Amino acid sequence: MPTITTSIFSTEEFFSAVHSLVPEIAVFDCDGTLWSGDAGSTFMMWSIETGLVSREAADLIDARYRAYHRNEVSEIAICGEMVQLYQGLREDELRRAAREFFATRIEKNIFPEMLKLVKELRSRGADIWAVSSTNDWVIEEGVKHFGIPPERVLCARAEVRGGIITDTLLDVPTDEGKVVSLNRVGITHPDAVFGNSIHDAAMLGISRRAFPVNPTTGLLEISSQAGWPVYYPASVTPNPS
């Protein structure tokens, strides 16, 4: 981990800083921010392991994902393709699968501090939004734990016709696309934004106050330049070097 040149909030300081804003609109990234790990890629791997998708589709997305890690496929492209992977399947089948997946693989990784914060903000009347480049089936299932309804979720999604998932992408919010998705629903300057990666930087930048949570190396560097204090939930607090 690089030398941190921005301050690190304690949990008490973090909660105090958020609540002192009295935010009317608070926006949260999900993977790495509300829970540890990447639910999007993990769901893809789980779908392959359990036979949810065909062998042909599995081989294709595996090759594309390897290319992504070689920087031969863009972030927005791979996020879209990880949704298109499920074309031809029934949406109700995907929702059942997402429910099982989240309960068995991700639920245990929810940050208790973030769960408490979101619930406190909701109780104080804040409008809470979740924005993610992971598919809507997994994210909508995950944010149920936070009391965030589907109509407050902006994430990667494909058109569904007659109950069948198509390959037509409706949205893939990542990088500047997260700002575009928020603008589309009339949110141009949210009071507080929470994110963990460089793909949240644009969204953090439009907020009245940015809160990097569990930041990746790329976001840590941006936070240092922008003067954004960062916060680490207890389960991911880095060891001092």
C-alpha atoms as a PDB file:
ATOM      1  CA  MET A   1       0.000   0.000   0.000  1.00  0.00           C
ATOM      2  CA  PRO A   2       1.379   3.479  -0.857  1.00  0.00           C
ATOM      3  CA  THR A   3       2.089   6.038   1.824  1.00  0.00           C
ATOM      4  CA  ILE A   4      -1.205   7.611   2.879  1.00  0.00           C
ATOM      5  CA  THR A   5      -1.051  11.389   2.795  1.00  0.00           C
ATOM      6  CA  THR A   6      -4.704  11.973   3.563  1.00  0.00           C
ATOM      7  CA  SER A   7      -6.303  11.564   6.954  1.00  0.00           C
ATOM      8  CA  ILE A   8      -8.135   8.426   8.020  1.00  0.00           C
ATOM      9  CA  PHE A   9     -11.433   8.695   9.850  1.00  0.00           C
ATOM     10  CA  SER A  10     -12.111   6.660  12.941  1.00  0.00           C
ATOM     11  CA  THR A  11     -15.607   5.158  12.912  1.00  0.00           C
ATOM     12  CA  GLU A  12     -16.819   7.833  15.319  1.00  0.00           C
ATOM     13  CA  GLU A  13     -15.318  10.607  13.187  1.00  0.00           C
ATOM     14  CA  PHE A  14     -16.765   9.072  10.025  1.00  0.00           C
ATOM     15  CA  PHE A  15     -20.299   8.909  11.404  1.00  0.00           C
ATOM     16  CA  SER A  16     -19.995  12.425  12.825  1.00  0.00           C
ATOM     17  CA  ALA A  17     -18.777  13.839   9.492  1.00  0.00           C
ATOM     18  CA  VAL A  18     -21.630  12.205   7.578  1.00  0.00           C
ATOM     19  CA  HIS A  19     -24.371  13.196   9.995  1.00  0.00           C
ATOM     20  CA  SER A  20     -23.089  16.764  10.332  1.00  0.00           C
ATOM     21  CA  LEU A  21     -23.959  17.256   6.654  1.00  0.00           C
ATOM     22  CA  VAL A  22     -27.597  16.381   7.362  1.00  0.00           C
ATOM     23  CA  PRO A  23     -27.690  14.908   3.845  1.00  0.00           C
ATOM     24  CA  GLU A  24     -30.941  14.910   1.930  1.00  0.00           C
ATOM     25  CA  ILE A  25     -29.475  12.715  -0.819  1.00  0.00           C
ATOM     26  CA  ALA A  26     -26.784  10.103  -0.151  1.00  0.00           C
ATOM     27  CA  VAL A  27     -25.372   7.871  -2.882  1.00  0.00           C
ATOM     28  CA  PHE A  28     -23.539   4.603  -2.273  1.00  0.00           C
ATOM     29  CA  ASP A  29     -21.459   2.397  -4.508  1.00  0.00           C
ATOM     30  CA  CYS A  30     -21.957  -1.248  -3.485  1.00  0.00           C
ATOM     31  CA  ASP A  31     -19.097  -3.700  -4.127  1.00  0.00           C
ATOM     32  CA  GLY A  32     -16.224  -2.806  -1.815  1.00  0.00           C
ATOM     33  CA  THR A  33     -18.245   0.001  -0.216  1.00  0.00           C
ATOM     34  CA  LEU A  34     -21.279  -1.619   1.402  1.00  0.00           C
ATOM     35  CA  TRP A  35     -19.628  -5.040   1.522  1.00  0.00           C
ATOM     36  CA  SER A  36     -16.157  -6.379   0.827  1.00  0.00           C
ATOM     37  CA  GLY A  37     -15.297  -8.071  -2.437  1.00  0.00           C
ATOM     38  CA  ASP A  38     -16.629  -7.848  -5.985  1.00  0.00           C
ATOM     39  CA  ALA A  39     -20.094  -9.390  -6.141  1.00  0.00           C
ATOM     40  CA  GLY A  40     -20.223  -8.904  -9.915  1.00  0.00           C
ATOM     41  CA  SER A  41     -17.249 -11.066 -10.855  1.00  0.00           C
ATOM     42  CA  THR A  42     -17.961 -13.498  -8.021  1.00  0.00           C
ATOM     43  CA  PHE A  43     -21.522 -14.023  -9.324  1.00  0.00           C
ATOM     44  CA  MET A  44     -20.119 -14.609 -12.795  1.00  0.00           C
ATOM     45  CA  MET A  45     -17.772 -17.314 -11.466  1.00  0.00           C
ATOM     46  CA  TRP A  46     -20.556 -18.818  -9.337  1.00  0.00           C
ATOM     47  CA  SER A  47     -22.833 -18.921 -12.393  1.00  0.00           C
ATOM     48  CA  ILE A  48     -20.176 -20.901 -14.246  1.00  0.00           C
ATOM     49  CA  GLU A  49     -19.476 -23.239 -11.308  1.00  0.00           C
ATOM     50  CA  THR A  50     -23.154 -24.040 -10.762  1.00  0.00           C
ATOM     51  CA  GLY A  51     -23.982 -24.511 -14.452  1.00  0.00           C
ATOM     52  CA  LEU A  52     -26.404 -21.596 -14.496  1.00  0.00           C
ATOM     53  CA  VAL A  53     -24.994 -20.568 -17.885  1.00  0.00           C
ATOM     54  CA  SER A  54     -24.021 -22.763 -20.828  1.00  0.00           C
ATOM     55  CA  ARG A  55     -20.484 -24.075 -21.292  1.00  0.00           C
ATOM     56  CA  GLU A  56     -20.168 -22.040 -24.494  1.00  0.00           C
ATOM     57  CA  ALA A  57     -21.223 -18.814 -22.741  1.00  0.00           C
ATOM     58  CA  ALA A  58     -18.923 -19.626 -19.827  1.00  0.00           C
ATOM     59  CA  ASP A  59     -15.910 -20.139 -22.077  1.00  0.00           C
ATOM     60  CA  LEU A  60     -16.604 -16.891 -23.922  1.00  0.00           C
ATOM     61  CA  ILE A  61     -16.941 -14.725 -20.796  1.00  0.00           C
ATOM     62  CA  ASP A  62     -13.898 -16.400 -19.243  1.00  0.00           C
ATOM     63  CA  ALA A  63     -11.798 -15.464 -22.258  1.00  0.00           C
ATOM     64  CA  ARG A  64     -13.129 -11.903 -22.212  1.00  0.00           C
ATOM     65  CA  TYR A  65     -12.510 -11.561 -18.471  1.00  0.00           C
ATOM     66  CA  ARG A  66      -8.914 -12.709 -18.894  1.00  0.00           C
ATOM     67  CA  ALA A  67      -8.526 -10.139 -21.685  1.00  0.00           C
ATOM     68  CA  TYR A  68      -9.948  -7.483 -19.364  1.00  0.00           C
ATOM     69  CA  HIS A  69      -7.229  -8.251 -16.834  1.00  0.00           C
ATOM     70  CA  ARG A  70      -4.676  -7.825 -19.633  1.00  0.00           C
ATOM     71  CA  ASN A  71      -6.183  -4.362 -20.258  1.00  0.00           C
ATOM     72  CA  GLU A  72      -7.451  -5.518 -23.667  1.00  0.00           C
ATOM     73  CA  VAL A  73     -11.136  -5.037 -22.759  1.00  0.00           C
ATOM     74  CA  SER A  74     -12.495  -1.861 -21.177  1.00  0.00           C
ATOM     75  CA  GLU A  75     -14.218  -1.642 -17.799  1.00  0.00           C
ATOM     76  CA  ILE A  76     -17.551  -0.627 -19.323  1.00  0.00           C
ATOM     77  CA  ALA A  77     -17.360  -3.404 -21.936  1.00  0.00           C
ATOM     78  CA  ILE A  78     -16.708  -6.207 -19.464  1.00  0.00           C
ATOM     79  CA  CYS A  79     -19.371  -4.945 -17.060  1.00  0.00           C
ATOM     80  CA  GLY A  80     -21.897  -5.010 -19.899  1.00  0.00           C
ATOM     81  CA  GLU A  81     -20.818  -8.436 -21.105  1.00  0.00           C
ATOM     82  CA  MET A  82     -21.142  -9.830 -17.579  1.00  0.00           C
ATOM     83  CA  VAL A  83     -24.849  -8.912 -17.800  1.00  0.00           C
ATOM     84  CA  GLN A  84     -25.301 -10.134 -21.372  1.00  0.00           C
ATOM     85  CA  LEU A  85     -23.923 -13.481 -20.190  1.00  0.00           C
ATOM     86  CA  TYR A  86     -27.440 -14.303 -18.972  1.00  0.00           C
ATOM     87  CA  GLN A  87     -29.323 -13.594 -22.216  1.00  0.00           C
ATOM     88  CA  GLY A  88     -31.946 -16.207 -22.972  1.00  0.00           C
ATOM     89  CA  LEU A  89     -32.543 -17.093 -19.318  1.00  0.00           C
ATOM     90  CA  ARG A  90     -35.727 -16.290 -17.454  1.00  0.00           C
ATOM     91  CA  GLU A  91     -35.462 -13.273 -15.199  1.00  0.00           C
ATOM     92  CA  ASP A  92     -37.305 -15.002 -12.359  1.00  0.00           C
ATOM     93  CA  GLU A  93     -34.679 -17.754 -12.516  1.00  0.00           C
ATOM     94  CA  LEU A  94     -31.909 -15.146 -12.252  1.00  0.00           C
ATOM     95  CA  ARG A  95     -33.560 -13.477  -9.282  1.00  0.00           C
ATOM     96  CA  ARG A  96     -33.778 -16.801  -7.446  1.00  0.00           C
ATOM     97  CA  ALA A  97     -30.142 -17.479  -8.287  1.00  0.00           C
ATOM     98  CA  ALA A  98     -29.079 -14.015  -7.113  1.00  0.00           C
ATOM     99  CA  ARG A  99     -30.936 -14.524  -3.843  1.00  0.00           C
ATOM    100  CA  GLU A 100     -29.133 -17.818  -3.188  1.00  0.00           C
ATOM    101  CA  PHE A 101     -25.780 -16.376  -4.283  1.00  0.00           C
ATOM    102  CA  PHE A 102     -25.957 -13.293  -2.100  1.00  0.00           C
ATOM    103  CA  ALA A 103     -27.076 -15.267   0.953  1.00  0.00           C
ATOM    104  CA  THR A 104     -24.288 -17.835   0.626  1.00  0.00           C
ATOM    105  CA  ARG A 105     -21.373 -15.807  -0.767  1.00  0.00           C
ATOM    106  CA  ILE A 106     -21.747 -12.086  -0.010  1.00  0.00           C
ATOM    107  CA  GLU A 107     -24.078 -11.442   2.920  1.00  0.00           C
ATOM    108  CA  LYS A 108     -21.379 -12.349   5.440  1.00  0.00           C
ATOM    109  CA  ASN A 109     -19.158  -9.649   3.916  1.00  0.00           C
ATOM    110  CA  ILE A 110     -21.545  -6.755   4.601  1.00  0.00           C
ATOM    111  CA  PHE A 111     -19.751  -4.043   6.583  1.00  0.00           C
ATOM    112  CA  PRO A 112     -21.705  -3.646   9.861  1.00  0.00           C
ATOM    113  CA  GLU A 113     -20.637  -0.005  10.063  1.00  0.00           C
ATOM    114  CA  MET A 114     -22.088   0.778   6.633  1.00  0.00           C
ATOM    115  CA  LEU A 115     -25.277  -1.114   7.414  1.00  0.00           C
ATOM    116  CA  LYS A 116     -25.677   0.981  10.564  1.00  0.00           C
ATOM    117  CA  LEU A 117     -24.901   4.226   8.721  1.00  0.00           C
ATOM    118  CA  VAL A 118     -27.417   3.640   5.945  1.00  0.00           C
ATOM    119  CA  LYS A 119     -30.125   2.707   8.431  1.00  0.00           C
ATOM    120  CA  GLU A 120     -29.406   5.842  10.473  1.00  0.00           C
ATOM    121  CA  LEU A 121     -29.524   8.049   7.379  1.00  0.00           C
ATOM    122  CA  ARG A 122     -32.821   6.477   6.303  1.00  0.00           C
ATOM    123  CA  SER A 123     -34.282   7.032   9.773  1.00  0.00           C
ATOM    124  CA  ARG A 124     -33.330  10.708   9.511  1.00  0.00           C
ATOM    125  CA  GLY A 125     -35.156  11.084   6.200  1.00  0.00           C
ATOM    126  CA  ALA A 126     -32.283  10.925   3.717  1.00  0.00           C
ATOM    127  CA  ASP A 127     -33.010   9.713   0.195  1.00  0.00           C
ATOM    128  CA  ILE A 128     -30.613   6.782  -0.337  1.00  0.00           C
ATOM    129  CA  TRP A 129     -29.437   5.626  -3.770  1.00  0.00           C
ATOM    130  CA  ALA A 130     -27.247   2.665  -4.735  1.00  0.00           C
ATOM    131  CA  VAL A 131     -25.160   2.920  -7.918  1.00  0.00           C
ATOM    132  CA  SER A 132     -23.175  -0.041  -9.239  1.00  0.00           C
ATOM    133  CA  SER A 133     -21.753  -1.567 -12.395  1.00  0.00           C
ATOM    134  CA  THR A 134     -22.765  -5.013 -11.097  1.00  0.00           C
ATOM    135  CA  ASN A 135     -25.994  -6.502 -12.457  1.00  0.00           C
ATOM    136  CA  ASP A 136     -29.351  -5.465 -11.038  1.00  0.00           C
ATOM    137  CA  TRP A 137     -30.334  -8.971  -9.890  1.00  0.00           C
ATOM    138  CA  VAL A 138     -27.450  -9.198  -7.414  1.00  0.00           C
ATOM    139  CA  ILE A 139     -27.448  -5.545  -6.342  1.00  0.00           C
ATOM    140  CA  GLU A 140     -31.189  -5.323  -5.773  1.00  0.00           C
ATOM    141  CA  GLU A 141     -30.975  -8.468  -3.670  1.00  0.00           C
ATOM    142  CA  GLY A 142     -28.007  -7.130  -1.702  1.00  0.00           C
ATOM    143  CA  VAL A 143     -29.356  -3.696  -0.895  1.00  0.00           C
ATOM    144  CA  LYS A 144     -32.564  -5.177   0.519  1.00  0.00           C
ATOM    145  CA  HIS A 145     -30.476  -5.625   3.668  1.00  0.00           C
ATOM    146  CA  PHE A 146     -29.994  -1.848   3.750  1.00  0.00           C
ATOM    147  CA  GLY A 147     -33.634  -1.022   3.142  1.00  0.00           C
ATOM    148  CA  ILE A 148     -32.897   0.434  -0.305  1.00  0.00           C
ATOM    149  CA  PRO A 149     -35.802  -0.267  -2.716  1.00  0.00           C
ATOM    150  CA  PRO A 150     -35.302  -1.284  -6.382  1.00  0.00           C
ATOM    151  CA  GLU A 151     -36.457   2.142  -7.599  1.00  0.00           C
ATOM    152  CA  ARG A 152     -33.430   3.669  -5.846  1.00  0.00           C
ATOM    153  CA  VAL A 153     -30.950   1.337  -7.555  1.00  0.00           C
ATOM    154  CA  LEU A 154     -28.970   2.318 -10.645  1.00  0.00           C
ATOM    155  CA  CYS A 155     -26.891  -0.566 -11.935  1.00  0.00           C
ATOM    156  CA  ALA A 156     -25.945  -2.641 -14.958  1.00  0.00           C
ATOM    157  CA  ARG A 157     -29.084  -4.063 -16.502  1.00  0.00           C
ATOM    158  CA  ALA A 158     -30.411  -5.615 -19.686  1.00  0.00           C
ATOM    159  CA  GLU A 159     -33.844  -5.348 -21.246  1.00  0.00           C
ATOM    160  CA  VAL A 160     -36.240  -8.136 -20.315  1.00  0.00           C
ATOM    161  CA  ARG A 161     -38.926  -9.134 -22.826  1.00  0.00           C
ATOM    162  CA  GLY A 162     -41.660 -11.587 -21.942  1.00  0.00           C
ATOM    163  CA  GLY A 163     -39.750 -12.555 -18.819  1.00  0.00           C
ATOM    164  CA  ILE A 164     -36.641 -13.453 -20.855  1.00  0.00           C
ATOM    165  CA  ILE A 165     -33.340 -11.594 -20.482  1.00  0.00           C
ATOM    166  CA  THR A 166     -32.064 -10.109 -23.753  1.00  0.00           C
ATOM    167  CA  ASP A 167     -28.626  -8.884 -24.796  1.00  0.00           C
ATOM    168  CA  THR A 168     -29.883  -5.284 -25.055  1.00  0.00           C
ATOM    169  CA  LEU A 169     -28.137  -3.237 -22.390  1.00  0.00           C
ATOM    170  CA  LEU A 170     -30.167  -0.483 -20.726  1.00  0.00           C
ATOM    171  CA  ASP A 171     -27.448   0.909 -18.472  1.00  0.00           C
ATOM    172  CA  VAL A 172     -23.883   0.172 -17.347  1.00  0.00           C
ATOM    173  CA  PRO A 173     -22.996   2.763 -14.691  1.00  0.00           C
ATOM    174  CA  THR A 174     -19.236   2.935 -14.242  1.00  0.00           C
ATOM    175  CA  ASP A 175     -16.720   5.792 -14.181  1.00  0.00           C
ATOM    176  CA  GLU A 176     -18.375   8.929 -15.670  1.00  0.00           C
ATOM    177  CA  GLY A 177     -21.352   6.726 -16.516  1.00  0.00           C
ATOM    178  CA  LYS A 178     -22.310   6.725 -12.849  1.00  0.00           C
ATOM    179  CA  VAL A 179     -22.717  10.496 -13.034  1.00  0.00           C
ATOM    180  CA  VAL A 180     -24.745  10.151 -16.236  1.00  0.00           C
ATOM    181  CA  SER A 181     -27.048   7.612 -14.583  1.00  0.00           C
ATOM    182  CA  LEU A 182     -27.563   9.891 -11.581  1.00  0.00           C
ATOM    183  CA  ASN A 183     -28.223  12.877 -13.820  1.00  0.00           C
ATOM    184  CA  ARG A 184     -30.834  10.836 -15.655  1.00  0.00           C
ATOM    185  CA  VAL A 185     -32.882  10.593 -12.452  1.00  0.00           C
ATOM    186  CA  GLY A 186     -32.362  14.255 -11.623  1.00  0.00           C
ATOM    187  CA  ILE A 187     -29.447  13.946  -9.198  1.00  0.00           C
ATOM    188  CA  THR A 188     -26.679  16.335 -10.177  1.00  0.00           C
ATOM    189  CA  HIS A 189     -25.143  17.334  -6.836  1.00  0.00           C
ATOM    190  CA  PRO A 190     -25.806  14.741  -4.122  1.00  0.00           C
ATOM    191  CA  ASP A 191     -24.945  15.762  -0.596  1.00  0.00           C
ATOM    192  CA  ALA A 192     -22.819  12.708   0.183  1.00  0.00           C
ATOM    193  CA  VAL A 193     -21.304  10.037  -2.042  1.00  0.00           C
ATOM    194  CA  PHE A 194     -19.562   6.877  -0.835  1.00  0.00           C
ATOM    195  CA  GLY A 195     -17.309   4.785  -3.075  1.00  0.00           C
ATOM    196  CA  ASN A 196     -14.247   2.568  -2.944  1.00  0.00           C
ATOM    197  CA  SER A 197     -12.583   2.580  -6.351  1.00  0.00           C
ATOM    198  CA  ILE A 198     -11.288   4.776  -9.133  1.00  0.00           C
ATOM    199  CA  HIS A 199     -14.492   3.905 -10.999  1.00  0.00           C
ATOM    200  CA  ASP A 200     -16.371   5.924  -8.349  1.00  0.00           C
ATOM    201  CA  ALA A 201     -14.122   8.985  -8.616  1.00  0.00           C
ATOM    202  CA  ALA A 202     -16.351  10.926 -11.022  1.00  0.00           C
ATOM    203  CA  MET A 203     -19.389  10.282  -8.842  1.00  0.00           C
ATOM    204  CA  LEU A 204     -17.500  11.288  -5.694  1.00  0.00           C
ATOM    205  CA  GLY A 205     -16.423  14.455  -7.453  1.00  0.00           C
ATOM    206  CA  ILE A 206     -19.967  15.813  -7.937  1.00  0.00           C
ATOM    207  CA  SER A 207     -20.921  15.479  -4.270  1.00  0.00           C
ATOM    208  CA  ARG A 208     -21.097  18.153  -1.629  1.00  0.00           C
ATOM    209  CA  ARG A 209     -18.806  15.875   0.337  1.00  0.00           C
ATOM    210  CA  ALA A 210     -16.995  12.767  -0.851  1.00  0.00           C
ATOM    211  CA  PHE A 211     -16.461   9.769   1.434  1.00  0.00           C
ATOM    212  CA  PRO A 212     -13.978   7.214   0.096  1.00  0.00           C
ATOM    213  CA  VAL A 213     -14.614   3.928   1.928  1.00  0.00           C
ATOM    214  CA  ASN A 214     -12.146   1.020   1.866  1.00  0.00           C
ATOM    215  CA  PRO A 215     -10.344   2.779  -1.024  1.00  0.00           C
ATOM    216  CA  THR A 216      -8.356   0.946  -3.652  1.00  0.00           C
ATOM    217  CA  THR A 217      -4.850   2.175  -4.432  1.00  0.00           C
ATOM    218  CA  GLY A 218      -6.133   4.270  -7.331  1.00  0.00           C
ATOM    219  CA  LEU A 219      -8.817   5.970  -5.273  1.00  0.00           C
ATOM    220  CA  LEU A 220      -6.436   6.434  -2.353  1.00  0.00           C
ATOM    221  CA  GLU A 221      -4.155   8.461  -4.614  1.00  0.00           C
ATOM    222  CA  ILE A 222      -7.062  10.570  -5.875  1.00  0.00           C
ATOM    223  CA  SER A 223      -8.270  11.087  -2.309  1.00  0.00           C
ATOM    224  CA  SER A 224      -4.822  12.290  -1.302  1.00  0.00           C
ATOM    225  CA  GLN A 225      -4.777  14.819  -4.149  1.00  0.00           C
ATOM    226  CA  ALA A 226      -8.342  15.978  -3.427  1.00  0.00           C
ATOM    227  CA  GLY A 227      -7.906  16.140   0.340  1.00  0.00           C
ATOM    228  CA  TRP A 228     -10.659  13.608   1.002  1.00  0.00           C
ATOM    229  CA  PRO A 229     -10.319  11.803   4.333  1.00  0.00           C
ATOM    230  CA  VAL A 230     -10.859   8.076   3.928  1.00  0.00           C
ATOM    231  CA  TYR A 231     -12.585   5.465   6.048  1.00  0.00           C
ATOM    232  CA  TYR A 232     -11.878   1.777   6.576  1.00  0.00           C
ATOM    233  CA  PRO A 233     -14.489  -0.474   8.209  1.00  0.00           C
ATOM    234  CA  ALA A 234     -12.936  -2.603  10.953  1.00  0.00           C
ATOM    235  CA  SER A 235     -12.735  -5.799   8.884  1.00  0.00           C
ATOM    236  CA  VAL A 236     -10.591  -4.143   6.184  1.00  0.00           C
ATOM    237  CA  THR A 237      -8.488  -1.699   8.222  1.00  0.00           C
ATOM    238  CA  PRO A 238      -4.961  -1.851   6.784  1.00  0.00           C
ATOM    239  CA  ASN A 239      -2.061  -2.801   9.018  1.00  0.00           C
ATOM    240  CA  PRO A 240       0.351   0.092   9.618  1.00  0.00           C
ATOM    241  CA  SER A 241       3.496  -0.309   7.541  1.00  0.00           C
END
